[in-house]
Amino acid sequence: MQKRNFTRVEFTECASVKHKDQVFFGNVKNMSLQGLFIKTDQEIPVNDPVEVTVYYSHNSSINLHANVVRREETGIGMQINRMDVLSFVHLRDVVAMQCNDQNLIMRETYKMADCIH
């Protein structure tokens, strides 16, 4: 199993996942600037690309492109490979609110710069 290099925080919100021509909903269990885990019983093969929208508050969402990196009985783990600037800012804020080390979050932000489009 790959070692996590980014701060992971608990985050329980609804998300939609688009895989090929199908869309399903699940609940986010946790997130980092690099990935997330969504609780679902849907089967998606490892390495397949997905588009994810995480809904939080009444008018905000995080939109991202990711690849499935692991499948468990309770859900799927995904690694983020692309997102827009506003979504990245929202994601960074979610992680930063739960992390006590803002310098660490800044270093992680620089590592993810290539994924922001």
PDB file of N, CA and C in Angstrom:
ATOM      1  N   MET A   1       0.842  -1.180   0.000  1.00  0.00           N
ATOM      2  CA  MET A   1       0.000   0.000   0.000  1.00  0.00           C
ATOM      3  C   MET A   1       0.889   1.245   0.000  1.00  0.00           C
ATOM      4  N   GLN A   2       0.480   2.250  -0.780  1.00  0.00           N
ATOM      5  CA  GLN A   2       1.309   3.438  -0.894  1.00  0.00           C
ATOM      6  C   GLN A   2       1.261   4.279   0.383  1.00  0.00           C
ATOM      7  N   LYS A   3       2.374   4.940   0.667  1.00  0.00           N
ATOM      8  CA  LYS A   3       2.474   5.786   1.845  1.00  0.00           C
ATOM      9  C   LYS A   3       1.839   7.137   1.540  1.00  0.00           C
ATOM     10  N   ARG A   4       1.054   7.627   2.478  1.00  0.00           N
ATOM     11  CA  ARG A   4       0.418   8.928   2.296  1.00  0.00           C
ATOM     12  C   ARG A   4       1.399  10.026   2.647  1.00  0.00           C
ATOM     13  N   ASN A   5       1.504  11.019   1.774  1.00  0.00           N
ATOM     14  CA  ASN A   5       2.428  12.123   1.990  1.00  0.00           C
ATOM     15  C   ASN A   5       1.713  13.434   2.250  1.00  0.00           C
ATOM     16  N   PHE A   6       0.397  13.405   2.388  1.00  0.00           N
ATOM     17  CA  PHE A   6      -0.380  14.617   2.572  1.00  0.00           C
ATOM     18  C   PHE A   6      -1.277  14.484   3.795  1.00  0.00           C
ATOM     19  N   THR A   7      -1.543  15.599   4.434  1.00  0.00           N
ATOM     20  CA  THR A   7      -2.391  15.632   5.614  1.00  0.00           C
ATOM     21  C   THR A   7      -3.808  15.220   5.241  1.00  0.00           C
ATOM     22  N   ARG A   8      -4.314  14.203   5.908  1.00  0.00           N
ATOM     23  CA  ARG A   8      -5.661  13.692   5.640  1.00  0.00           C
ATOM     24  C   ARG A   8      -6.563  14.109   6.799  1.00  0.00           C
ATOM     25  N   VAL A   9      -7.755  14.628   6.455  1.00  0.00           N
ATOM     26  CA  VAL A   9      -8.697  15.085   7.482  1.00  0.00           C
ATOM     27  C   VAL A   9     -10.050  14.415   7.275  1.00  0.00           C
ATOM     28  N   GLU A  10     -10.761  14.238   8.377  1.00  0.00           N
ATOM     29  CA  GLU A  10     -12.119  13.709   8.305  1.00  0.00           C
ATOM     30  C   GLU A  10     -13.015  14.751   7.653  1.00  0.00           C
ATOM     31  N   PHE A  11     -13.878  14.296   6.770  1.00  0.00           N
ATOM     32  CA  PHE A  11     -14.765  15.213   6.063  1.00  0.00           C
ATOM     33  C   PHE A  11     -15.958  14.399   5.596  1.00  0.00           C
ATOM     34  N   THR A  12     -17.119  14.664   6.133  1.00  0.00           N
ATOM     35  CA  THR A  12     -18.289  13.849   5.819  1.00  0.00           C
ATOM     36  C   THR A  12     -19.335  14.678   5.086  1.00  0.00           C
ATOM     37  N   GLU A  13     -19.222  14.671   3.777  1.00  0.00           N
ATOM     38  CA  GLU A  13     -20.173  15.374   2.917  1.00  0.00           C
ATOM     39  C   GLU A  13     -20.526  14.465   1.740  1.00  0.00           C
ATOM     40  N   CYS A  14     -21.585  14.827   1.055  1.00  0.00           N
ATOM     41  CA  CYS A  14     -22.043  14.069  -0.118  1.00  0.00           C
ATOM     42  C   CYS A  14     -21.167  14.392  -1.330  1.00  0.00           C
ATOM     43  N   ALA A  15     -20.975  13.396  -2.176  1.00  0.00           N
ATOM     44  CA  ALA A  15     -20.209  13.591  -3.410  1.00  0.00           C
ATOM     45  C   ALA A  15     -20.860  12.804  -4.537  1.00  0.00           C
ATOM     46  N   SER A  16     -20.737  13.330  -5.743  1.00  0.00           N
ATOM     47  CA  SER A  16     -21.135  12.570  -6.925  1.00  0.00           C
ATOM     48  C   SER A  16     -19.868  12.128  -7.643  1.00  0.00           C
ATOM     49  N   VAL A  17     -19.920  10.934  -8.194  1.00  0.00           N
ATOM     50  CA  VAL A  17     -18.783  10.377  -8.921  1.00  0.00           C
ATOM     51  C   VAL A  17     -19.273   9.982 -10.308  1.00  0.00           C
ATOM     52  N   LYS A  18     -18.603  10.505 -11.329  1.00  0.00           N
ATOM     53  CA  LYS A  18     -18.925  10.131 -12.704  1.00  0.00           C
ATOM     54  C   LYS A  18     -17.844   9.183 -13.196  1.00  0.00           C
ATOM     55  N   HIS A  19     -18.266   7.990 -13.574  1.00  0.00           N
ATOM     56  CA  HIS A  19     -17.364   6.977 -14.114  1.00  0.00           C
ATOM     57  C   HIS A  19     -17.932   6.528 -15.452  1.00  0.00           C
ATOM     58  N   LYS A  20     -17.215   6.834 -16.503  1.00  0.00           N
ATOM     59  CA  LYS A  20     -17.698   6.584 -17.865  1.00  0.00           C
ATOM     60  C   LYS A  20     -19.015   7.333 -18.032  1.00  0.00           C
ATOM     61  N   ASP A  21     -20.107   6.640 -18.336  1.00  0.00           N
ATOM     62  CA  ASP A  21     -21.391   7.316 -18.540  1.00  0.00           C
ATOM     63  C   ASP A  21     -22.322   7.203 -17.338  1.00  0.00           C
ATOM     64  N   GLN A  22     -21.819   6.730 -16.211  1.00  0.00           N
ATOM     65  CA  GLN A  22     -22.660   6.554 -15.029  1.00  0.00           C
ATOM     66  C   GLN A  22     -22.279   7.554 -13.949  1.00  0.00           C
ATOM     67  N   VAL A  23     -23.284   8.022 -13.224  1.00  0.00           N
ATOM     68  CA  VAL A  23     -23.062   8.908 -12.085  1.00  0.00           C
ATOM     69  C   VAL A  23     -23.710   8.259 -10.871  1.00  0.00           C
ATOM     70  N   PHE A  24     -22.983   8.232  -9.761  1.00  0.00           N
ATOM     71  CA  PHE A  24     -23.544   7.730  -8.512  1.00  0.00           C
ATOM     72  C   PHE A  24     -23.131   8.658  -7.384  1.00  0.00           C
ATOM     73  N   PHE A  25     -23.798   8.511  -6.252  1.00  0.00           N
ATOM     74  CA  PHE A  25     -23.521   9.347  -5.090  1.00  0.00           C
ATOM     75  C   PHE A  25     -22.964   8.503  -3.959  1.00  0.00           C
ATOM     76  N   GLY A  26     -22.112   9.123  -3.166  1.00  0.00           N
ATOM     77  CA  GLY A  26     -21.546   8.487  -1.986  1.00  0.00           C
ATOM     78  C   GLY A  26     -21.240   9.552  -0.962  1.00  0.00           C
ATOM     79  N   ASN A  27     -20.679   9.143   0.151  1.00  0.00           N
ATOM     80  CA  ASN A  27     -20.301  10.080   1.204  1.00  0.00           C
ATOM     81  C   ASN A  27     -18.793  10.079   1.386  1.00  0.00           C
ATOM     82  N   VAL A  28     -18.221  11.265   1.394  1.00  0.00           N
ATOM     83  CA  VAL A  28     -16.785  11.393   1.621  1.00  0.00           C
ATOM     84  C   VAL A  28     -16.490  10.986   3.057  1.00  0.00           C
ATOM     85  N   LYS A  29     -15.451  10.201   3.245  1.00  0.00           N
ATOM     86  CA  LYS A  29     -15.003   9.818   4.589  1.00  0.00           C
ATOM     87  C   LYS A  29     -13.858  10.719   5.029  1.00  0.00           C
ATOM     88  N   ASN A  30     -12.888  10.933   4.131  1.00  0.00           N
ATOM     89  CA  ASN A  30     -11.759  11.804   4.446  1.00  0.00           C
ATOM     90  C   ASN A  30     -11.165  12.346   3.158  1.00  0.00           C
ATOM     91  N   MET A  31     -10.373  13.421   3.329  1.00  0.00           N
ATOM     92  CA  MET A  31      -9.773  14.089   2.171  1.00  0.00           C
ATOM     93  C   MET A  31      -8.386  14.593   2.523  1.00  0.00           C
ATOM     94  N   SER A  32      -7.594  14.782   1.482  1.00  0.00           N
ATOM     95  CA  SER A  32      -6.319  15.484   1.591  1.00  0.00           C
ATOM     96  C   SER A  32      -6.198  16.325   0.326  1.00  0.00           C
ATOM     97  N   LEU A  33      -5.123  17.081   0.211  1.00  0.00           N
ATOM     98  CA  LEU A  33      -4.915  17.838  -1.017  1.00  0.00           C
ATOM     99  C   LEU A  33      -4.616  16.917  -2.194  1.00  0.00           C
ATOM    100  N   GLN A  34      -4.281  15.668  -1.910  1.00  0.00           N
ATOM    101  CA  GLN A  34      -3.905  14.726  -2.959  1.00  0.00           C
ATOM    102  C   GLN A  34      -4.975  13.677  -3.257  1.00  0.00           C
ATOM    103  N   GLY A  35      -5.910  13.463  -2.350  1.00  0.00           N
ATOM    104  CA  GLY A  35      -6.871  12.396  -2.593  1.00  0.00           C
ATOM    105  C   GLY A  35      -8.039  12.406  -1.632  1.00  0.00           C
ATOM    106  N   LEU A  36      -8.923  11.431  -1.823  1.00  0.00           N
ATOM    107  CA  LEU A  36     -10.089  11.310  -0.961  1.00  0.00           C
ATOM    108  C   LEU A  36     -10.590   9.878  -0.977  1.00  0.00           C
ATOM    109  N   PHE A  37     -11.387   9.560   0.044  1.00  0.00           N
ATOM    110  CA  PHE A  37     -12.019   8.250   0.140  1.00  0.00           C
ATOM    111  C   PHE A  37     -13.514   8.485   0.191  1.00  0.00           C
ATOM    112  N   ILE A  38     -14.246   7.805  -0.694  1.00  0.00           N
ATOM    113  CA  ILE A  38     -15.696   7.934  -0.742  1.00  0.00           C
ATOM    114  C   ILE A  38     -16.322   6.595  -0.385  1.00  0.00           C
ATOM    115  N   LYS A  39     -17.227   6.642   0.590  1.00  0.00           N
ATOM    116  CA  LYS A  39     -17.951   5.441   0.995  1.00  0.00           C
ATOM    117  C   LYS A  39     -19.035   5.151  -0.044  1.00  0.00           C
ATOM    118  N   THR A  40     -18.960   3.962  -0.627  1.00  0.00           N
ATOM    119  CA  THR A  40     -19.917   3.543  -1.651  1.00  0.00           C
ATOM    120  C   THR A  40     -19.809   2.042  -1.845  1.00  0.00           C
ATOM    121  N   ASP A  41     -20.855   1.466  -2.394  1.00  0.00           N
ATOM    122  CA  ASP A  41     -20.788   0.045  -2.741  1.00  0.00           C
ATOM    123  C   ASP A  41     -20.571  -0.150  -4.240  1.00  0.00           C
ATOM    124  N   GLN A  42     -20.334   0.926  -4.963  1.00  0.00           N
ATOM    125  CA  GLN A  42     -20.083   0.855  -6.406  1.00  0.00           C
ATOM    126  C   GLN A  42     -18.715   0.230  -6.685  1.00  0.00           C
ATOM    127  N   GLU A  43     -18.650  -0.510  -7.755  1.00  0.00           N
ATOM    128  CA  GLU A  43     -17.400  -1.152  -8.168  1.00  0.00           C
ATOM    129  C   GLU A  43     -16.770  -0.353  -9.307  1.00  0.00           C
ATOM    130  N   ILE A  44     -15.604   0.205  -9.078  1.00  0.00           N
ATOM    131  CA  ILE A  44     -14.853   0.892 -10.128  1.00  0.00           C
ATOM    132  C   ILE A  44     -13.451   0.291 -10.130  1.00  0.00           C
ATOM    133  N   PRO A  45     -12.967  -0.137 -11.279  1.00  0.00           N
ATOM    134  CA  PRO A  45     -11.636  -0.742 -11.332  1.00  0.00           C
ATOM    135  C   PRO A  45     -10.530   0.237 -10.920  1.00  0.00           C
ATOM    136  N   VAL A  46      -9.526  -0.292 -10.260  1.00  0.00           N
ATOM    137  CA  VAL A  46      -8.350   0.501  -9.901  1.00  0.00           C
ATOM    138  C   VAL A  46      -7.723   1.040 -11.184  1.00  0.00           C
ATOM    139  N   ASN A  47      -7.246   2.258 -11.124  1.00  0.00           N
ATOM    140  CA  ASN A  47      -6.623   3.016 -12.214  1.00  0.00           C
ATOM    141  C   ASN A  47      -7.618   3.683 -13.155  1.00  0.00           C
ATOM    142  N   ASP A  48      -8.907   3.411 -13.016  1.00  0.00           N
ATOM    143  CA  ASP A  48      -9.882   4.080 -13.877  1.00  0.00           C
ATOM    144  C   ASP A  48     -10.035   5.546 -13.475  1.00  0.00           C
ATOM    145  N   PRO A  49     -10.186   6.436 -14.458  1.00  0.00           N
ATOM    146  CA  PRO A  49     -10.404   7.851 -14.161  1.00  0.00           C
ATOM    147  C   PRO A  49     -11.858   8.118 -13.781  1.00  0.00           C
ATOM    148  N   VAL A  50     -12.051   9.096 -12.907  1.00  0.00           N
ATOM    149  CA  VAL A  50     -13.383   9.523 -12.483  1.00  0.00           C
ATOM    150  C   VAL A  50     -13.408  11.043 -12.370  1.00  0.00           C
ATOM    151  N   GLU A  51     -14.603  11.592 -12.428  1.00  0.00           N
ATOM    152  CA  GLU A  51     -14.819  13.004 -12.137  1.00  0.00           C
ATOM    153  C   GLU A  51     -15.650  13.063 -10.864  1.00  0.00           C
ATOM    154  N   VAL A  52     -15.222  13.876  -9.917  1.00  0.00           N
ATOM    155  CA  VAL A  52     -15.870  13.930  -8.609  1.00  0.00           C
ATOM    156  C   VAL A  52     -16.301  15.354  -8.307  1.00  0.00           C
ATOM    157  N   THR A  53     -17.498  15.481  -7.743  1.00  0.00           N
ATOM    158  CA  THR A  53     -17.959  16.753  -7.197  1.00  0.00           C
ATOM    159  C   THR A  53     -18.316  16.518  -5.743  1.00  0.00           C
ATOM    160  N   VAL A  54     -17.639  17.230  -4.847  1.00  0.00           N
ATOM    161  CA  VAL A  54     -17.924  17.160  -3.417  1.00  0.00           C
ATOM    162  C   VAL A  54     -18.768  18.379  -3.072  1.00  0.00           C
ATOM    163  N   TYR A  55     -19.936  18.130  -2.494  1.00  0.00           N
ATOM    164  CA  TYR A  55     -20.861  19.209  -2.151  1.00  0.00           C
ATOM    165  C   TYR A  55     -20.719  19.545  -0.676  1.00  0.00           C
ATOM    166  N   TYR A  56     -20.488  20.810  -0.379  1.00  0.00           N
ATOM    167  CA  TYR A  56     -20.473  21.234   1.014  1.00  0.00           C
ATOM    168  C   TYR A  56     -21.032  22.639   1.088  1.00  0.00           C
ATOM    169  N   SER A  57     -21.604  22.979   2.180  1.00  0.00           N
ATOM    170  CA  SER A  57     -22.408  24.183   2.384  1.00  0.00           C
ATOM    171  C   SER A  57     -23.509  24.208   1.324  1.00  0.00           C
ATOM    172  N   HIS A  58     -24.247  25.272   1.254  1.00  0.00           N
ATOM    173  CA  HIS A  58     -25.398  25.295   0.348  1.00  0.00           C
ATOM    174  C   HIS A  58     -25.036  25.696  -1.072  1.00  0.00           C
ATOM    175  N   ASN A  59     -23.911  26.347  -1.253  1.00  0.00           N
ATOM    176  CA  ASN A  59     -23.592  26.832  -2.595  1.00  0.00           C
ATOM    177  C   ASN A  59     -22.142  26.609  -2.990  1.00  0.00           C
ATOM    178  N   SER A  60     -21.459  25.691  -2.344  1.00  0.00           N
ATOM    179  CA  SER A  60     -20.054  25.449  -2.661  1.00  0.00           C
ATOM    180  C   SER A  60     -19.830  23.984  -3.023  1.00  0.00           C
ATOM    181  N   SER A  61     -18.887  23.778  -3.925  1.00  0.00           N
ATOM    182  CA  SER A  61     -18.517  22.413  -4.285  1.00  0.00           C
ATOM    183  C   SER A  61     -17.045  22.386  -4.682  1.00  0.00           C
ATOM    184  N   ILE A  62     -16.492  21.197  -4.634  1.00  0.00           N
ATOM    185  CA  ILE A  62     -15.121  20.952  -5.069  1.00  0.00           C
ATOM    186  C   ILE A  62     -15.220  19.997  -6.253  1.00  0.00           C
ATOM    187  N   ASN A  63     -14.729  20.432  -7.405  1.00  0.00           N
ATOM    188  CA  ASN A  63     -14.786  19.629  -8.628  1.00  0.00           C
ATOM    189  C   ASN A  63     -13.380  19.162  -8.976  1.00  0.00           C
ATOM    190  N   LEU A  64     -13.225  17.863  -9.193  1.00  0.00           N
ATOM    191  CA  LEU A  64     -11.887  17.352  -9.464  1.00  0.00           C
ATOM    192  C   LEU A  64     -11.918  16.129 -10.362  1.00  0.00           C
ATOM    193  N   HIS A  65     -10.780  15.854 -10.947  1.00  0.00           N
ATOM    194  CA  HIS A  65     -10.548  14.644 -11.734  1.00  0.00           C
ATOM    195  C   HIS A  65      -9.564  13.795 -10.932  1.00  0.00           C
ATOM    196  N   ALA A  66      -9.816  12.505 -10.878  1.00  0.00           N
ATOM    197  CA  ALA A  66      -8.972  11.621 -10.070  1.00  0.00           C
ATOM    198  C   ALA A  66      -8.903  10.244 -10.722  1.00  0.00           C
ATOM    199  N   ASN A  67      -8.010   9.427 -10.204  1.00  0.00           N
ATOM    200  CA  ASN A  67      -7.927   8.018 -10.582  1.00  0.00           C
ATOM    201  C   ASN A  67      -8.181   7.182  -9.341  1.00  0.00           C
ATOM    202  N   VAL A  68      -8.907   6.090  -9.515  1.00  0.00           N
ATOM    203  CA  VAL A  68      -9.136   5.167  -8.412  1.00  0.00           C
ATOM    204  C   VAL A  68      -7.815   4.470  -8.112  1.00  0.00           C
ATOM    205  N   VAL A  69      -7.383   4.511  -6.856  1.00  0.00           N
ATOM    206  CA  VAL A  69      -6.115   3.878  -6.480  1.00  0.00           C
ATOM    207  C   VAL A  69      -6.305   2.669  -5.572  1.00  0.00           C
ATOM    208  N   ARG A  70      -7.495   2.547  -4.976  1.00  0.00           N
ATOM    209  CA  ARG A  70      -7.761   1.345  -4.188  1.00  0.00           C
ATOM    210  C   ARG A  70      -9.261   1.156  -4.019  1.00  0.00           C
ATOM    211  N   ARG A  71      -9.627  -0.082  -3.849  1.00  0.00           N
ATOM    212  CA  ARG A  71     -11.022  -0.454  -3.641  1.00  0.00           C
ATOM    213  C   ARG A  71     -11.096  -1.256  -2.365  1.00  0.00           C
ATOM    214  N   GLU A  72     -11.993  -0.861  -1.475  1.00  0.00           N
ATOM    215  CA  GLU A  72     -12.220  -1.585  -0.232  1.00  0.00           C
ATOM    216  C   GLU A  72     -13.690  -1.961  -0.155  1.00  0.00           C
ATOM    217  N   GLU A  73     -14.023  -2.779   0.796  1.00  0.00           N
ATOM    218  CA  GLU A  73     -15.414  -3.187   0.968  1.00  0.00           C
ATOM    219  C   GLU A  73     -16.329  -1.992   1.224  1.00  0.00           C
ATOM    220  N   THR A  74     -15.804  -0.970   1.879  1.00  0.00           N
ATOM    221  CA  THR A  74     -16.640   0.176   2.254  1.00  0.00           C
ATOM    222  C   THR A  74     -16.585   1.341   1.277  1.00  0.00           C
ATOM    223  N   GLY A  75     -15.694   1.293   0.283  1.00  0.00           N
ATOM    224  CA  GLY A  75     -15.631   2.415  -0.644  1.00  0.00           C
ATOM    225  C   GLY A  75     -14.397   2.401  -1.524  1.00  0.00           C
ATOM    226  N   ILE A  76     -14.115   3.584  -2.103  1.00  0.00           N
ATOM    227  CA  ILE A  76     -13.002   3.702  -3.036  1.00  0.00           C
ATOM    228  C   ILE A  76     -12.095   4.872  -2.660  1.00  0.00           C
ATOM    229  N   GLY A  77     -10.793   4.637  -2.790  1.00  0.00           N
ATOM    230  CA  GLY A  77      -9.796   5.681  -2.585  1.00  0.00           C
ATOM    231  C   GLY A  77      -9.363   6.226  -3.927  1.00  0.00           C
ATOM    232  N   MET A  78      -9.226   7.540  -4.006  1.00  0.00           N
ATOM    233  CA  MET A  78      -8.883   8.185  -5.270  1.00  0.00           C
ATOM    234  C   MET A  78      -7.737   9.152  -5.092  1.00  0.00           C
ATOM    235  N   GLN A  79      -6.900   9.244  -6.109  1.00  0.00           N
ATOM    236  CA  GLN A  79      -5.809  10.213  -6.130  1.00  0.00           C
ATOM    237  C   GLN A  79      -6.174  11.317  -7.114  1.00  0.00           C
ATOM    238  N   ILE A  80      -6.130  12.549  -6.641  1.00  0.00           N
ATOM    239  CA  ILE A  80      -6.480  13.705  -7.462  1.00  0.00           C
ATOM    240  C   ILE A  80      -5.373  13.962  -8.472  1.00  0.00           C
ATOM    241  N   ASN A  81      -5.771  14.205  -9.727  1.00  0.00           N
ATOM    242  CA  ASN A  81      -4.766  14.555 -10.728  1.00  0.00           C
ATOM    243  C   ASN A  81      -5.047  15.882 -11.429  1.00  0.00           C
ATOM    244  N   ARG A  82      -6.252  16.448 -11.212  1.00  0.00           N
ATOM    245  CA  ARG A  82      -6.538  17.749 -11.820  1.00  0.00           C
ATOM    246  C   ARG A  82      -7.759  18.385 -11.165  1.00  0.00           C
ATOM    247  N   MET A  83      -7.703  19.719 -10.989  1.00  0.00           N
ATOM    248  CA  MET A  83      -8.862  20.469 -10.502  1.00  0.00           C
ATOM    249  C   MET A  83      -8.680  21.932 -10.854  1.00  0.00           C
ATOM    250  N   ASP A  84      -9.782  22.671 -10.839  1.00  0.00           N
ATOM    251  CA  ASP A  84      -9.696  24.098 -11.138  1.00  0.00           C
ATOM    252  C   ASP A  84      -9.224  24.860  -9.897  1.00  0.00           C
ATOM    253  N   VAL A  85      -8.832  26.103 -10.099  1.00  0.00           N
ATOM    254  CA  VAL A  85      -8.251  26.907  -9.018  1.00  0.00           C
ATOM    255  C   VAL A  85      -9.227  27.079  -7.862  1.00  0.00           C
ATOM    256  N   LEU A  86     -10.475  27.426  -8.151  1.00  0.00           N
ATOM    257  CA  LEU A  86     -11.445  27.659  -7.085  1.00  0.00           C
ATOM    258  C   LEU A  86     -11.689  26.394  -6.268  1.00  0.00           C
ATOM    259  N   SER A  87     -11.775  25.258  -6.934  1.00  0.00           N
ATOM    260  CA  SER A  87     -11.942  23.991  -6.216  1.00  0.00           C
ATOM    261  C   SER A  87     -10.739  23.705  -5.334  1.00  0.00           C
ATOM    262  N   PHE A  88      -9.540  23.995  -5.840  1.00  0.00           N
ATOM    263  CA  PHE A  88      -8.350  23.774  -5.025  1.00  0.00           C
ATOM    264  C   PHE A  88      -8.366  24.665  -3.789  1.00  0.00           C
ATOM    265  N   VAL A  89      -8.759  25.914  -3.949  1.00  0.00           N
ATOM    266  CA  VAL A  89      -8.828  26.834  -2.803  1.00  0.00           C
ATOM    267  C   VAL A  89      -9.821  26.302  -1.770  1.00  0.00           C
ATOM    268  N   HIS A  90     -10.984  25.831  -2.216  1.00  0.00           N
ATOM    269  CA  HIS A  90     -11.967  25.263  -1.284  1.00  0.00           C
ATOM    270  C   HIS A  90     -11.397  24.038  -0.571  1.00  0.00           C
ATOM    271  N   LEU A  91     -10.752  23.149  -1.330  1.00  0.00           N
ATOM    272  CA  LEU A  91     -10.173  21.945  -0.742  1.00  0.00           C
ATOM    273  C   LEU A  91      -9.089  22.301   0.266  1.00  0.00           C
ATOM    274  N   ARG A  92      -8.206  23.213  -0.106  1.00  0.00           N
ATOM    275  CA  ARG A  92      -7.146  23.632   0.809  1.00  0.00           C
ATOM    276  C   ARG A  92      -7.736  24.211   2.091  1.00  0.00           C
ATOM    277  N   ASP A  93      -8.788  25.008   1.974  1.00  0.00           N
ATOM    278  CA  ASP A  93      -9.426  25.593   3.154  1.00  0.00           C
ATOM    279  C   ASP A  93     -10.027  24.524   4.063  1.00  0.00           C
ATOM    280  N   VAL A  94     -10.658  23.514   3.472  1.00  0.00           N
ATOM    281  CA  VAL A  94     -11.232  22.419   4.261  1.00  0.00           C
ATOM    282  C   VAL A  94     -10.137  21.714   5.053  1.00  0.00           C
ATOM    283  N   VAL A  95      -9.022  21.411   4.395  1.00  0.00           N
ATOM    284  CA  VAL A  95      -7.918  20.716   5.071  1.00  0.00           C
ATOM    285  C   VAL A  95      -7.270  21.632   6.111  1.00  0.00           C
ATOM    286  N   ALA A  96      -7.050  22.882   5.759  1.00  0.00           N
ATOM    287  CA  ALA A  96      -6.373  23.820   6.665  1.00  0.00           C
ATOM    288  C   ALA A  96      -7.172  24.067   7.935  1.00  0.00           C
ATOM    289  N   MET A  97      -8.497  24.069   7.846  1.00  0.00           N
ATOM    290  CA  MET A  97      -9.326  24.312   9.032  1.00  0.00           C
ATOM    291  C   MET A  97      -9.151  23.231  10.087  1.00  0.00           C
ATOM    292  N   GLN A  98      -8.750  22.032   9.667  1.00  0.00           N
ATOM    293  CA  GLN A  98      -8.611  20.926  10.611  1.00  0.00           C
ATOM    294  C   GLN A  98      -7.161  20.591  10.942  1.00  0.00           C
ATOM    295  N   CYS A  99      -6.238  21.333  10.373  1.00  0.00           N
ATOM    296  CA  CYS A  99      -4.814  21.063  10.597  1.00  0.00           C
ATOM    297  C   CYS A  99      -4.204  22.185  11.424  1.00  0.00           C
ATOM    298  N   ASN A 100      -3.397  21.822  12.390  1.00  0.00           N
ATOM    299  CA  ASN A 100      -2.758  22.819  13.252  1.00  0.00           C
ATOM    300  C   ASN A 100      -1.476  23.387  12.671  1.00  0.00           C
ATOM    301  N   ASP A 101      -0.965  22.798  11.611  1.00  0.00           N
ATOM    302  CA  ASP A 101       0.318  23.212  11.049  1.00  0.00           C
ATOM    303  C   ASP A 101       0.106  23.872   9.689  1.00  0.00           C
ATOM    304  N   GLN A 102      -0.079  25.179   9.681  1.00  0.00           N
ATOM    305  CA  GLN A 102      -0.342  25.899   8.435  1.00  0.00           C
ATOM    306  C   GLN A 102       0.868  25.889   7.496  1.00  0.00           C
ATOM    307  N   ASN A 103       2.075  25.806   8.041  1.00  0.00           N
ATOM    308  CA  ASN A 103       3.267  25.702   7.193  1.00  0.00           C
ATOM    309  C   ASN A 103       3.270  24.388   6.413  1.00  0.00           C
ATOM    310  N   LEU A 104       2.828  23.329   7.056  1.00  0.00           N
ATOM    311  CA  LEU A 104       2.721  22.035   6.383  1.00  0.00           C
ATOM    312  C   LEU A 104       1.718  22.117   5.231  1.00  0.00           C
ATOM    313  N   ILE A 105       0.589  22.743   5.459  1.00  0.00           N
ATOM    314  CA  ILE A 105      -0.414  22.893   4.404  1.00  0.00           C
ATOM    315  C   ILE A 105       0.149  23.705   3.244  1.00  0.00           C
ATOM    316  N   MET A 106       0.938  24.723   3.539  1.00  0.00           N
ATOM    317  CA  MET A 106       1.546  25.524   2.470  1.00  0.00           C
ATOM    318  C   MET A 106       2.518  24.676   1.648  1.00  0.00           C
ATOM    319  N   ARG A 107       3.324  23.848   2.302  1.00  0.00           N
ATOM    320  CA  ARG A 107       4.248  22.971   1.570  1.00  0.00           C
ATOM    321  C   ARG A 107       3.476  21.981   0.693  1.00  0.00           C
ATOM    322  N   GLU A 108       2.390  21.449   1.223  1.00  0.00           N
ATOM    323  CA  GLU A 108       1.567  20.522   0.451  1.00  0.00           C
ATOM    324  C   GLU A 108       0.911  21.231  -0.736  1.00  0.00           C
ATOM    325  N   THR A 109       0.556  22.497  -0.552  1.00  0.00           N
ATOM    326  CA  THR A 109      -0.027  23.289  -1.641  1.00  0.00           C
ATOM    327  C   THR A 109       0.950  23.386  -2.802  1.00  0.00           C
ATOM    328  N   TYR A 110       2.213  23.669  -2.506  1.00  0.00           N
ATOM    329  CA  TYR A 110       3.228  23.759  -3.566  1.00  0.00           C
ATOM    330  C   TYR A 110       3.392  22.430  -4.299  1.00  0.00           C
ATOM    331  N   LYS A 111       3.306  21.324  -3.577  1.00  0.00           N
ATOM    332  CA  LYS A 111       3.444  20.009  -4.211  1.00  0.00           C
ATOM    333  C   LYS A 111       2.315  19.722  -5.196  1.00  0.00           C
ATOM    334  N   MET A 112       1.146  20.307  -4.950  1.00  0.00           N
ATOM    335  CA  MET A 112      -0.020  20.039  -5.796  1.00  0.00           C
ATOM    336  C   MET A 112      -0.191  21.045  -6.931  1.00  0.00           C
ATOM    337  N   ALA A 113       0.712  21.989  -7.060  1.00  0.00           N
ATOM    338  CA  ALA A 113       0.559  23.071  -8.046  1.00  0.00           C
ATOM    339  C   ALA A 113       0.350  22.559  -9.470  1.00  0.00           C
ATOM    340  N   ASP A 114       0.973  21.457  -9.841  1.00  0.00           N
ATOM    341  CA  ASP A 114       0.837  20.933 -11.206  1.00  0.00           C
ATOM    342  C   ASP A 114      -0.565  20.412 -11.512  1.00  0.00           C
ATOM    343  N   CYS A 115      -1.348  20.121 -10.490  1.00  0.00           N
ATOM    344  CA  CYS A 115      -2.702  19.591 -10.694  1.00  0.00           C
ATOM    345  C   CYS A 115      -3.741  20.679 -10.894  1.00  0.00           C
ATOM    346  N   ILE A 116      -3.373  21.919 -10.641  1.00  0.00           N
ATOM    347  CA  ILE A 116      -4.335  23.018 -10.701  1.00  0.00           C
ATOM    348  C   ILE A 116      -4.376  23.573 -12.113  1.00  0.00           C
ATOM    349  N   HIS A 117      -5.572  23.607 -12.681  1.00  0.00           N
ATOM    350  CA  HIS A 117      -5.751  24.099 -14.060  1.00  0.00           C
ATOM    351  C   HIS A 117      -6.894  25.073 -14.116  1.00  0.00           C
TER     352      HIS A 117
END
